[in-house]
């Protein structure tokens, strides 16, 4: 076992990854990163709900051994920087981790305060909160660096409707699908060259020489790589998810009608991996119509593709036709936020970044520092991320219990302030506004 400076690994079973899939014992050790800001509120609620669900499902036969890991403010206090190598090494060692939200600098200032997310150009005392132990030089997103260091190539975002949540779309109750967004290629691995730069001019000249095409000389130039290997490992995981969860289809989303050798290839390579590695479990949409009069054979996953702009219409007008969607990076970014709006935004938080050696489940919303320590905010996003984590582990029974408890609490109007406000605005009179921890207790009682 590696020797760690501040990480104390508890007794339990290390998660092993074999062929990209976790092998989980009766007492798996799971990395736990609290997060900045409201992480102090929502993370303990999440663990209490998960522990209760696991105990209700399995009694004393199974339990999670939580292993505290450190990033953000907690890491700054212990290591002197916001993302130490030890944390990355520990996640790789444990195989699975779940984390709260972390501060991400967004301005041009030189320093950011991890207490309140204020940014300024000097490292003295925070001009916003008055604390002097949370300022650190601005840095690149902790979330992005974790994905890169651990090669977490699949960004997985479930989107589902919860009865009782005000939603803007008339078909919101049909929304229940999972988005697999490629996490390492496309614009994330792309290059952007400034107008007039030597490289931009060289690319323009190269295009003219090799294709005869003229590009305006005052253009900025972008390059977006999409590879066969990167595409196939993402689609492989998406099809495996559909198989494991017994879902009816996987849709490859692309703009191949215009970009034939990047996004068009994404679609073609997706079909290839489905046929070559899941041939007995899949069938193309074309074959369904040509060979089975439009009715998919029982137990077969339908592989289909849609043009990116078309899918934005279809998830609004007939969302029930989709269960798993696999997309390149940029399309997946757009799709995730657009889809979440369909269901009133409750799905904003849950997500996972999964690779062949590790998986990190996360609340993808912000740190909301003004609510820190108030036991006020909605912990639902992190709880839904924990549902994904349990499903990833193959522990479907406690995952279903958490989901059932959340559905009942929301349907009953027993919710935190954010949903209470929306429900009352729509005329509900029976809403009971709960604290963060109160919502967790309600979910446990309703499992």
Protein backbone atom coordinates (compact mmCIF):
# COMPACT_ATOMS: atom_id res chain seq x y z
CA UNK A 1 0.00 0.00 0.00
CA UNK A 2 1.30 3.50 -0.81
CA UNK A 3 2.50 5.63 2.10
CA UNK A 4 0.42 8.80 2.41
CA UNK A 5 1.17 11.93 4.39
CA UNK A 6 -2.34 13.03 5.39
CA UNK A 7 -4.62 10.32 3.98
CA UNK A 8 -5.56 7.63 6.49
CA UNK A 9 -6.97 4.65 4.59
CA UNK A 10 -9.49 2.77 6.77
CA UNK A 11 -9.88 -0.98 7.00
CA UNK A 12 -11.85 -2.36 4.10
CA UNK A 13 -11.70 -3.66 0.55
CA UNK A 14 -9.89 -1.81 -2.22
CA UNK A 15 -11.95 -1.51 -5.39
CA UNK A 16 -10.21 -3.27 -8.28
CA UNK A 17 -10.84 -2.32 -11.89
CA UNK A 18 -10.80 -5.15 -14.39
CA UNK A 19 -11.34 -4.35 -18.06
CA UNK A 20 -12.64 -0.93 -17.07
CA UNK A 21 -15.24 -2.30 -14.64
CA UNK A 22 -15.09 -2.17 -10.82
CA UNK A 23 -14.78 -5.28 -8.68
CA UNK A 24 -16.27 -4.39 -5.30
CA UNK A 25 -16.02 -6.23 -1.99
CA UNK A 26 -18.42 -6.19 0.97
CA UNK A 27 -16.71 -3.19 2.60
CA UNK A 28 -15.38 -1.01 -0.24
CA UNK A 29 -13.15 1.93 0.63
CA UNK A 30 -14.53 5.02 -1.10
CA UNK A 31 -12.64 8.32 -1.32
CA UNK A 32 -14.61 11.24 0.10
CA UNK A 33 -13.81 14.86 -0.78
CA UNK A 34 -15.93 17.33 1.16
CA UNK A 35 -15.73 20.24 -1.27
CA UNK A 36 -15.54 23.97 -0.63
CA UNK A 37 -18.35 26.23 0.57
CA UNK A 38 -21.60 24.30 1.00
CA UNK A 39 -19.67 21.04 0.74
CA UNK A 40 -19.52 21.23 4.53
CA UNK A 41 -23.34 20.97 4.57
CA UNK A 42 -24.26 18.61 1.74
CA UNK A 43 -21.49 16.01 1.97
CA UNK A 44 -22.32 14.70 5.47
CA UNK A 45 -25.99 14.52 4.49
CA UNK A 46 -25.12 12.47 1.42
CA UNK A 47 -23.01 9.97 3.40
CA UNK A 48 -25.73 9.56 6.03
CA UNK A 49 -28.33 8.82 3.34
CA UNK A 50 -26.05 6.36 1.54
CA UNK A 51 -25.13 4.57 4.77
CA UNK A 52 -28.80 4.24 5.68
CA UNK A 53 -29.69 2.88 2.24
CA UNK A 54 -26.84 0.34 2.27
CA UNK A 55 -27.85 -0.86 5.75
CA UNK A 56 -31.52 -1.10 4.78
CA UNK A 57 -30.62 -3.08 1.65
CA UNK A 58 -27.95 -5.40 3.06
CA UNK A 59 -28.07 -5.21 6.86
CA UNK A 60 -24.65 -5.79 8.38
CA UNK A 61 -23.42 -7.79 5.38
CA UNK A 62 -22.14 -4.72 3.50
CA UNK A 63 -21.00 -1.19 4.36
CA UNK A 64 -18.94 1.61 2.84
CA UNK A 65 -15.65 2.59 4.48
CA UNK A 66 -15.36 6.33 3.78
CA UNK A 67 -11.79 7.61 3.30
CA UNK A 68 -11.42 11.41 3.65
CA UNK A 69 -9.33 12.99 0.86
CA UNK A 70 -8.41 16.63 0.48
CA UNK A 71 -8.69 19.29 -2.21
CA UNK A 72 -9.62 22.97 -2.22
CA UNK A 73 -9.53 24.73 1.15
CA UNK A 74 -8.94 21.52 3.12
CA UNK A 75 -5.91 20.72 0.96
CA UNK A 76 -4.58 24.27 1.23
CA UNK A 77 -4.67 23.96 5.01
CA UNK A 78 -2.82 20.62 5.02
CA UNK A 79 -0.53 20.70 1.97
CA UNK A 80 -0.21 24.35 1.02
CA UNK A 81 -1.89 23.91 -2.38
CA UNK A 82 -5.40 23.22 -3.59
CA UNK A 83 -4.82 19.87 -5.37
CA UNK A 84 -1.87 17.86 -4.01
CA UNK A 85 -0.42 14.89 -5.85
CA UNK A 86 -1.32 12.74 -2.83
CA UNK A 87 -5.03 13.26 -3.46
CA UNK A 88 -4.72 12.18 -7.09
CA UNK A 89 -2.59 9.17 -6.10
CA UNK A 90 -5.11 8.20 -3.41
CA UNK A 91 -8.06 8.31 -5.84
CA UNK A 92 -6.10 6.14 -8.25
CA UNK A 93 -5.29 3.74 -5.38
CA UNK A 94 -8.90 3.54 -4.14
CA UNK A 95 -10.55 3.40 -7.57
CA UNK A 96 -13.72 5.31 -6.64
CA UNK A 97 -14.29 8.70 -5.03
CA UNK A 98 -17.16 11.13 -4.59
CA UNK A 99 -16.76 14.85 -4.10
CA UNK A 100 -18.59 18.02 -3.27
CA UNK A 101 -18.23 21.26 -5.27
CA UNK A 102 -14.94 23.15 -5.54
CA UNK A 103 -14.12 26.81 -6.15
CA UNK A 104 -13.13 27.54 -9.75
CA UNK A 105 -11.47 30.92 -10.50
CA UNK A 106 -13.20 32.66 -13.40
CA UNK A 107 -11.67 36.17 -13.52
CA UNK A 108 -8.23 37.58 -14.27
CA UNK A 109 -7.20 38.39 -10.69
CA UNK A 110 -4.06 36.73 -9.35
CA UNK A 111 -5.50 35.19 -6.16
CA UNK A 112 -8.74 33.49 -5.10
CA UNK A 113 -10.11 33.01 -1.58
CA UNK A 114 -11.25 29.45 -0.95
CA UNK A 115 -13.46 30.57 1.93
CA UNK A 116 -15.72 32.85 -0.09
CA UNK A 117 -14.53 32.56 -3.77
CA UNK A 118 -13.61 36.26 -3.88
CA UNK A 119 -10.77 37.12 -6.29
CA UNK A 120 -8.20 39.87 -5.90
CA UNK A 121 -4.69 40.83 -7.03
CA UNK A 122 -2.86 40.60 -3.69
CA UNK A 123 -2.29 37.83 -1.18
CA UNK A 124 -2.85 39.56 2.12
CA UNK A 125 -6.29 39.47 3.68
CA UNK A 126 -9.43 38.65 1.70
CA UNK A 127 -11.22 41.91 0.97
CA UNK A 128 -14.57 40.11 1.01
CA UNK A 129 -14.58 37.80 4.06
CA UNK A 130 -11.62 39.22 5.99
CA UNK A 131 -9.83 35.88 6.34
CA UNK A 132 -6.14 35.54 5.54
CA UNK A 133 -5.69 31.74 5.48
CA UNK A 134 -7.68 30.90 2.34
CA UNK A 135 -6.01 32.94 -0.40
CA UNK A 136 -4.10 30.99 -3.02
CA UNK A 137 -2.74 31.81 -6.49
CA UNK A 138 -5.37 31.36 -9.20
CA UNK A 139 -5.40 27.89 -10.66
CA UNK A 140 -7.02 25.80 -13.32
CA UNK A 141 -10.23 23.99 -12.37
CA UNK A 142 -9.75 21.17 -9.88
CA UNK A 143 -12.43 19.22 -11.73
CA UNK A 144 -10.64 19.50 -15.07
CA UNK A 145 -7.28 18.53 -13.59
CA UNK A 146 -8.74 15.44 -11.93
CA UNK A 147 -10.18 14.35 -15.28
CA UNK A 148 -6.86 14.84 -17.00
CA UNK A 149 -4.58 13.27 -14.38
CA UNK A 150 -6.81 10.21 -13.96
CA UNK A 151 -7.86 9.96 -17.64
CA UNK A 152 -11.54 10.13 -16.71
CA UNK A 153 -12.71 10.13 -20.30
CA UNK A 154 -16.46 9.65 -19.84
CA UNK A 155 -18.48 12.49 -18.34
CA UNK A 156 -21.77 10.85 -17.37
CA UNK A 157 -24.83 13.00 -16.63
CA UNK A 158 -28.24 11.49 -15.85
CA UNK A 159 -31.30 13.65 -16.53
CA UNK A 160 -34.64 12.59 -15.07
CA UNK A 161 -37.89 14.22 -14.02
CA UNK A 162 -39.11 14.14 -10.42
CA UNK A 163 -42.86 14.34 -9.91
CA UNK A 164 -43.74 17.62 -8.22
CA UNK A 165 -40.86 19.70 -9.57
CA UNK A 166 -42.09 22.64 -11.68
CA UNK A 167 -40.71 22.14 -15.19
CA UNK A 168 -41.07 24.29 -18.33
CA UNK A 169 -41.57 21.46 -20.83
CA UNK A 170 -44.95 19.74 -21.31
CA UNK A 171 -43.19 16.41 -21.88
CA UNK A 172 -40.89 16.68 -18.86
CA UNK A 173 -42.42 13.59 -17.25
CA UNK A 174 -41.00 11.52 -20.14
CA UNK A 175 -37.41 12.66 -19.57
CA UNK A 176 -35.20 9.90 -18.20
CA UNK A 177 -31.92 9.47 -20.05
CA UNK A 178 -28.17 9.46 -19.47
CA UNK A 179 -25.65 11.56 -21.39
CA UNK A 180 -22.16 10.19 -22.05
CA UNK A 181 -19.94 13.10 -23.03
CA UNK A 182 -16.37 12.48 -24.22
CA UNK A 183 -14.09 14.21 -21.73
CA UNK A 184 -10.62 14.40 -23.27
CA UNK A 185 -10.88 15.26 -27.00
CA UNK A 186 -12.65 17.65 -29.33
CA UNK A 187 -12.36 21.22 -27.99
CA UNK A 188 -10.89 19.95 -24.68
CA UNK A 189 -7.83 18.74 -26.57
CA UNK A 190 -8.08 21.36 -29.28
CA UNK A 191 -5.85 24.23 -30.20
CA UNK A 192 -6.97 27.81 -30.73
CA UNK A 193 -4.72 30.20 -32.64
CA UNK A 194 -5.13 33.96 -32.56
CA UNK A 195 -5.95 35.96 -35.67
CA UNK A 196 -2.75 37.05 -37.38
CA UNK A 197 -0.48 34.71 -35.39
CA UNK A 198 2.27 32.82 -37.18
CA UNK A 199 0.49 29.51 -36.61
CA UNK A 200 -2.88 30.80 -37.83
CA UNK A 201 -1.26 32.17 -40.98
CA UNK A 202 0.63 28.92 -41.50
CA UNK A 203 -2.56 26.87 -41.26
CA UNK A 204 -4.34 29.19 -43.67
CA UNK A 205 -1.46 28.83 -46.14
CA UNK A 206 -1.40 25.05 -45.68
CA UNK A 207 -5.13 24.81 -46.39
CA UNK A 208 -4.68 26.85 -49.55
CA UNK A 209 -1.79 24.69 -50.71
CA UNK A 210 -3.38 21.31 -50.05
CA UNK A 211 -7.09 21.95 -50.70
CA UNK A 212 -7.23 25.12 -52.75
CA UNK A 213 -9.63 26.64 -50.24
CA UNK A 214 -9.37 30.25 -49.19
CA UNK A 215 -9.76 31.23 -45.54
CA UNK A 216 -10.05 34.91 -44.71
CA UNK A 217 -6.59 36.08 -43.58
CA UNK A 218 -8.03 37.84 -40.51
CA UNK A 219 -9.46 34.58 -39.13
CA UNK A 220 -8.69 32.92 -35.85
CA UNK A 221 -8.07 29.20 -36.34
CA UNK A 222 -9.23 26.27 -34.21
CA UNK A 223 -8.31 22.60 -34.42
CA UNK A 224 -10.46 19.87 -32.80
CA UNK A 225 -9.13 16.30 -32.71
CA UNK A 226 -11.50 13.33 -32.45
CA UNK A 227 -9.82 9.93 -32.49
CA UNK A 228 -11.00 6.40 -33.17
CA UNK A 229 -9.60 5.11 -29.87
CA UNK A 230 -11.11 7.98 -27.85
CA UNK A 231 -14.49 7.55 -29.50
CA UNK A 232 -14.65 3.80 -29.15
CA UNK A 233 -13.82 3.72 -25.46
CA UNK A 234 -16.58 6.26 -24.76
CA UNK A 235 -19.20 4.46 -26.83
CA UNK A 236 -18.09 1.13 -25.37
CA UNK A 237 -18.86 2.45 -21.89
CA UNK A 238 -22.19 3.93 -23.02
CA UNK A 239 -23.33 0.63 -24.55
CA UNK A 240 -22.15 -1.29 -21.49
CA UNK A 241 -24.15 1.07 -19.28
CA UNK A 242 -27.26 0.48 -21.40
CA UNK A 243 -26.68 -3.26 -21.15
CA UNK A 244 -26.12 -3.23 -17.39
CA UNK A 245 -29.14 -1.02 -16.71
CA UNK A 246 -31.32 -2.85 -19.27
CA UNK A 247 -31.97 0.31 -21.28
CA UNK A 248 -33.43 0.12 -24.81
CA UNK A 249 -31.17 2.35 -26.94
CA UNK A 250 -27.93 4.25 -27.42
CA UNK A 251 -27.99 7.32 -29.66
CA UNK A 252 -24.79 8.67 -31.25
CA UNK A 253 -25.06 12.45 -31.59
CA UNK A 254 -22.86 14.24 -34.12
CA UNK A 255 -22.60 16.89 -36.82
CA UNK A 256 -21.28 14.46 -39.42
CA UNK A 257 -23.27 16.00 -42.23
CA UNK A 258 -20.76 18.88 -42.14
CA UNK A 259 -17.66 17.52 -40.35
CA UNK A 260 -17.39 14.09 -41.96
CA UNK A 261 -13.94 13.07 -40.71
CA UNK A 262 -14.32 14.13 -37.07
CA UNK A 263 -17.94 14.05 -35.96
CA UNK A 264 -19.02 11.85 -38.85
CA UNK A 265 -16.25 9.46 -37.89
CA UNK A 266 -17.45 9.59 -34.27
CA UNK A 267 -20.75 8.12 -35.44
CA UNK A 268 -19.14 5.53 -37.73
CA UNK A 269 -16.69 4.36 -35.05
CA UNK A 270 -19.55 4.17 -32.55
CA UNK A 271 -21.47 1.83 -34.80
CA UNK A 272 -18.31 -0.24 -35.26
CA UNK A 273 -17.65 -0.80 -31.57
CA UNK A 274 -21.30 -1.69 -30.97
CA UNK A 275 -21.25 -4.28 -33.76
CA UNK A 276 -17.79 -5.70 -33.05
CA UNK A 277 -18.00 -5.94 -29.26
CA UNK A 278 -21.76 -6.08 -28.50
CA UNK A 279 -23.09 -7.77 -31.62
CA UNK A 280 -25.28 -10.22 -29.73
CA UNK A 281 -26.80 -7.44 -27.62
CA UNK A 282 -27.32 -4.66 -30.16
CA UNK A 283 -29.11 -3.95 -33.42
CA UNK A 284 -29.03 -0.84 -35.61
CA UNK A 285 -32.13 1.26 -36.03
CA UNK A 286 -31.92 0.63 -39.78
CA UNK A 287 -32.02 -3.14 -39.22
CA UNK A 288 -35.01 -2.79 -36.90
CA UNK A 289 -37.02 -1.24 -39.72
CA UNK A 290 -35.67 -3.41 -42.53
CA UNK A 291 -35.85 -6.75 -40.72
CA UNK A 292 -38.39 -6.36 -37.88
CA UNK A 293 -41.03 -3.90 -39.16
CA UNK A 294 -39.92 -1.24 -36.69
CA UNK A 295 -40.25 -3.36 -33.54
CA UNK A 296 -36.88 -4.04 -31.84
CA UNK A 297 -36.24 -7.67 -30.90
CA UNK A 298 -36.58 -8.32 -27.17
CA UNK A 299 -33.37 -7.80 -25.24
CA UNK A 300 -31.53 -5.99 -28.05
CA UNK A 301 -30.21 -2.43 -27.60
CA UNK A 302 -31.01 -0.22 -30.59
CA UNK A 303 -28.00 1.75 -31.85
CA UNK A 304 -29.03 4.91 -33.70
CA UNK A 305 -27.61 8.31 -34.56
CA UNK A 306 -28.96 11.84 -34.76
CA UNK A 307 -27.59 15.12 -36.12
CA UNK A 308 -26.72 17.44 -33.23
CA UNK A 309 -29.09 20.29 -34.09
CA UNK A 310 -31.97 17.84 -34.62
CA UNK A 311 -31.56 16.19 -31.24
CA UNK A 312 -32.12 19.50 -29.44
CA UNK A 313 -35.62 19.56 -30.93
CA UNK A 314 -36.30 15.90 -30.31
CA UNK A 315 -35.48 15.87 -26.61
CA UNK A 316 -38.10 18.61 -26.24
CA UNK A 317 -40.83 17.07 -28.38
CA UNK A 318 -40.33 13.31 -27.82
CA UNK A 319 -37.79 12.77 -25.05
CA UNK A 320 -39.16 9.32 -24.23
CA UNK A 321 -37.44 7.93 -27.34
CA UNK A 322 -33.97 8.33 -25.78
CA UNK A 323 -32.31 6.47 -22.94
CA UNK A 324 -28.52 6.82 -23.49
CA UNK A 325 -26.87 9.49 -25.64
CA UNK A 326 -23.15 9.44 -26.56
CA UNK A 327 -21.61 12.69 -27.78
CA UNK A 328 -18.27 14.37 -28.50
CA UNK A 329 -17.14 16.92 -25.95
CA UNK A 330 -18.67 20.19 -27.16
CA UNK A 331 -22.00 18.71 -28.23
CA UNK A 332 -22.18 16.93 -24.89
CA UNK A 333 -21.55 20.17 -23.03
CA UNK A 334 -24.44 21.90 -24.78
CA UNK A 335 -26.72 18.88 -24.49
CA UNK A 336 -26.19 18.44 -20.74
CA UNK A 337 -27.37 21.94 -19.86
CA UNK A 338 -30.19 21.99 -22.40
CA UNK A 339 -31.55 18.66 -21.20
CA UNK A 340 -31.41 19.65 -17.54
CA UNK A 341 -33.58 22.70 -18.27
CA UNK A 342 -36.34 20.37 -19.48
CA UNK A 343 -36.88 18.98 -15.99
CA UNK A 344 -36.74 22.21 -14.04
CA UNK A 345 -33.05 22.10 -13.23
CA UNK A 346 -33.09 19.48 -10.47
CA UNK A 347 -30.70 17.35 -12.51
CA UNK A 348 -28.15 20.17 -12.54
CA UNK A 349 -25.89 18.60 -9.94
CA UNK A 350 -25.43 14.87 -10.49
CA UNK A 351 -22.56 13.64 -12.57
CA UNK A 352 -19.57 11.38 -12.83
CA UNK A 353 -16.24 11.29 -14.59
CA UNK A 354 -15.27 7.70 -15.29
CA UNK A 355 -12.14 6.09 -16.70
CA UNK A 356 -10.73 2.61 -16.89
CA UNK A 357 -8.77 2.91 -13.63
CA UNK A 358 -10.87 5.26 -11.51
CA UNK A 359 -14.22 7.01 -11.25
CA UNK A 360 -15.05 10.29 -9.52
CA UNK A 361 -18.68 11.13 -8.77
CA UNK A 362 -19.49 14.76 -8.13
CA UNK A 363 -21.89 17.57 -7.46
CA UNK A 364 -21.37 19.78 -10.49
CA UNK A 365 -23.03 22.91 -9.11
CA UNK A 366 -21.15 25.75 -7.43
CA UNK A 367 -19.94 26.23 -3.86
CA UNK A 368 -22.54 28.93 -2.91
CA UNK A 369 -20.27 30.33 -0.16
CA UNK A 370 -22.93 32.75 1.16
CA UNK A 371 -24.89 29.69 2.37
CA UNK A 372 -21.92 27.86 3.87
CA UNK A 373 -22.71 26.32 7.25
CA UNK A 374 -26.36 27.37 7.23
CA UNK A 375 -27.78 23.85 6.75
CA UNK A 376 -29.95 25.35 4.02
CA UNK A 377 -29.06 24.20 0.51
CA UNK A 378 -30.43 21.27 -1.43
CA UNK A 379 -28.19 18.16 -1.11
CA UNK A 380 -30.11 16.35 -3.85
CA UNK A 381 -27.49 16.71 -6.56
CA UNK A 382 -24.78 15.02 -4.51
CA UNK A 383 -27.26 12.36 -3.39
CA UNK A 384 -28.10 11.64 -7.02
CA UNK A 385 -24.38 11.42 -7.78
CA UNK A 386 -24.17 8.84 -4.99
CA UNK A 387 -26.98 6.91 -6.71
CA UNK A 388 -24.79 6.79 -9.81
CA UNK A 389 -21.84 5.67 -7.70
CA UNK A 390 -23.84 2.81 -6.17
CA UNK A 391 -25.02 1.75 -9.64
CA UNK A 392 -21.42 1.85 -10.87
CA UNK A 393 -20.47 -0.44 -7.97
CA UNK A 394 -23.25 -2.87 -8.87
CA UNK A 395 -25.15 -2.04 -5.65
CA UNK A 396 -28.50 -1.43 -7.30
CA UNK A 397 -30.64 -2.09 -4.24
CA UNK A 398 -29.41 0.87 -2.13
CA UNK A 399 -29.30 3.04 -5.26
CA UNK A 400 -33.00 2.35 -5.82
CA UNK A 401 -33.75 3.08 -2.16
CA UNK A 402 -32.12 6.53 -2.27
CA UNK A 403 -33.92 7.36 -5.50
CA UNK A 404 -37.26 6.16 -4.12
CA UNK A 405 -36.83 8.22 -0.94
CA UNK A 406 -36.02 11.35 -2.94
CA UNK A 407 -38.97 10.86 -5.27
CA UNK A 408 -41.39 10.48 -2.37
CA UNK A 409 -40.02 13.45 -0.43
CA UNK A 410 -40.28 15.74 -3.47
CA UNK A 411 -43.73 14.46 -4.48
CA UNK A 412 -44.91 15.10 -0.89
CA UNK A 413 -43.58 18.66 -1.04
CA UNK A 414 -41.01 18.02 1.70
CA UNK A 415 -38.15 19.96 0.12
CA UNK A 416 -35.44 22.55 0.69
CA UNK A 417 -35.99 26.28 0.13
CA UNK A 418 -35.14 26.29 -3.59
CA UNK A 419 -37.82 23.82 -4.60
CA UNK A 420 -40.23 25.13 -1.97
CA UNK A 421 -40.13 28.56 -3.58
CA UNK A 422 -40.83 27.15 -7.04
CA UNK A 423 -43.64 24.88 -5.85
CA UNK A 424 -45.38 27.70 -3.96
CA UNK A 425 -45.08 29.95 -7.00
CA UNK A 426 -47.08 27.33 -8.90
CA UNK A 427 -49.81 27.33 -6.26
CA UNK A 428 -48.95 24.35 -4.05
CA UNK A 429 -50.18 24.91 -0.50
CA UNK A 430 -48.85 21.76 1.15
CA UNK A 431 -45.12 22.48 0.86
CA UNK A 432 -43.00 21.89 3.95
CA UNK A 433 -39.66 23.68 3.73
CA UNK A 434 -36.83 21.59 5.19
CA UNK A 435 -33.21 22.23 6.03
CA UNK A 436 -30.41 20.46 4.18
CA UNK A 437 -30.09 17.82 6.91
CA UNK A 438 -33.89 17.70 7.31
CA UNK A 439 -34.26 16.73 3.66
CA UNK A 440 -31.72 13.96 4.21
CA UNK A 441 -33.72 12.64 7.17
CA UNK A 442 -36.92 12.78 5.13
CA UNK A 443 -35.32 10.72 2.35
CA UNK A 444 -34.14 8.12 4.87
CA UNK A 445 -37.61 7.87 6.43
CA UNK A 446 -39.25 7.42 3.02
CA UNK A 447 -36.91 4.77 1.61
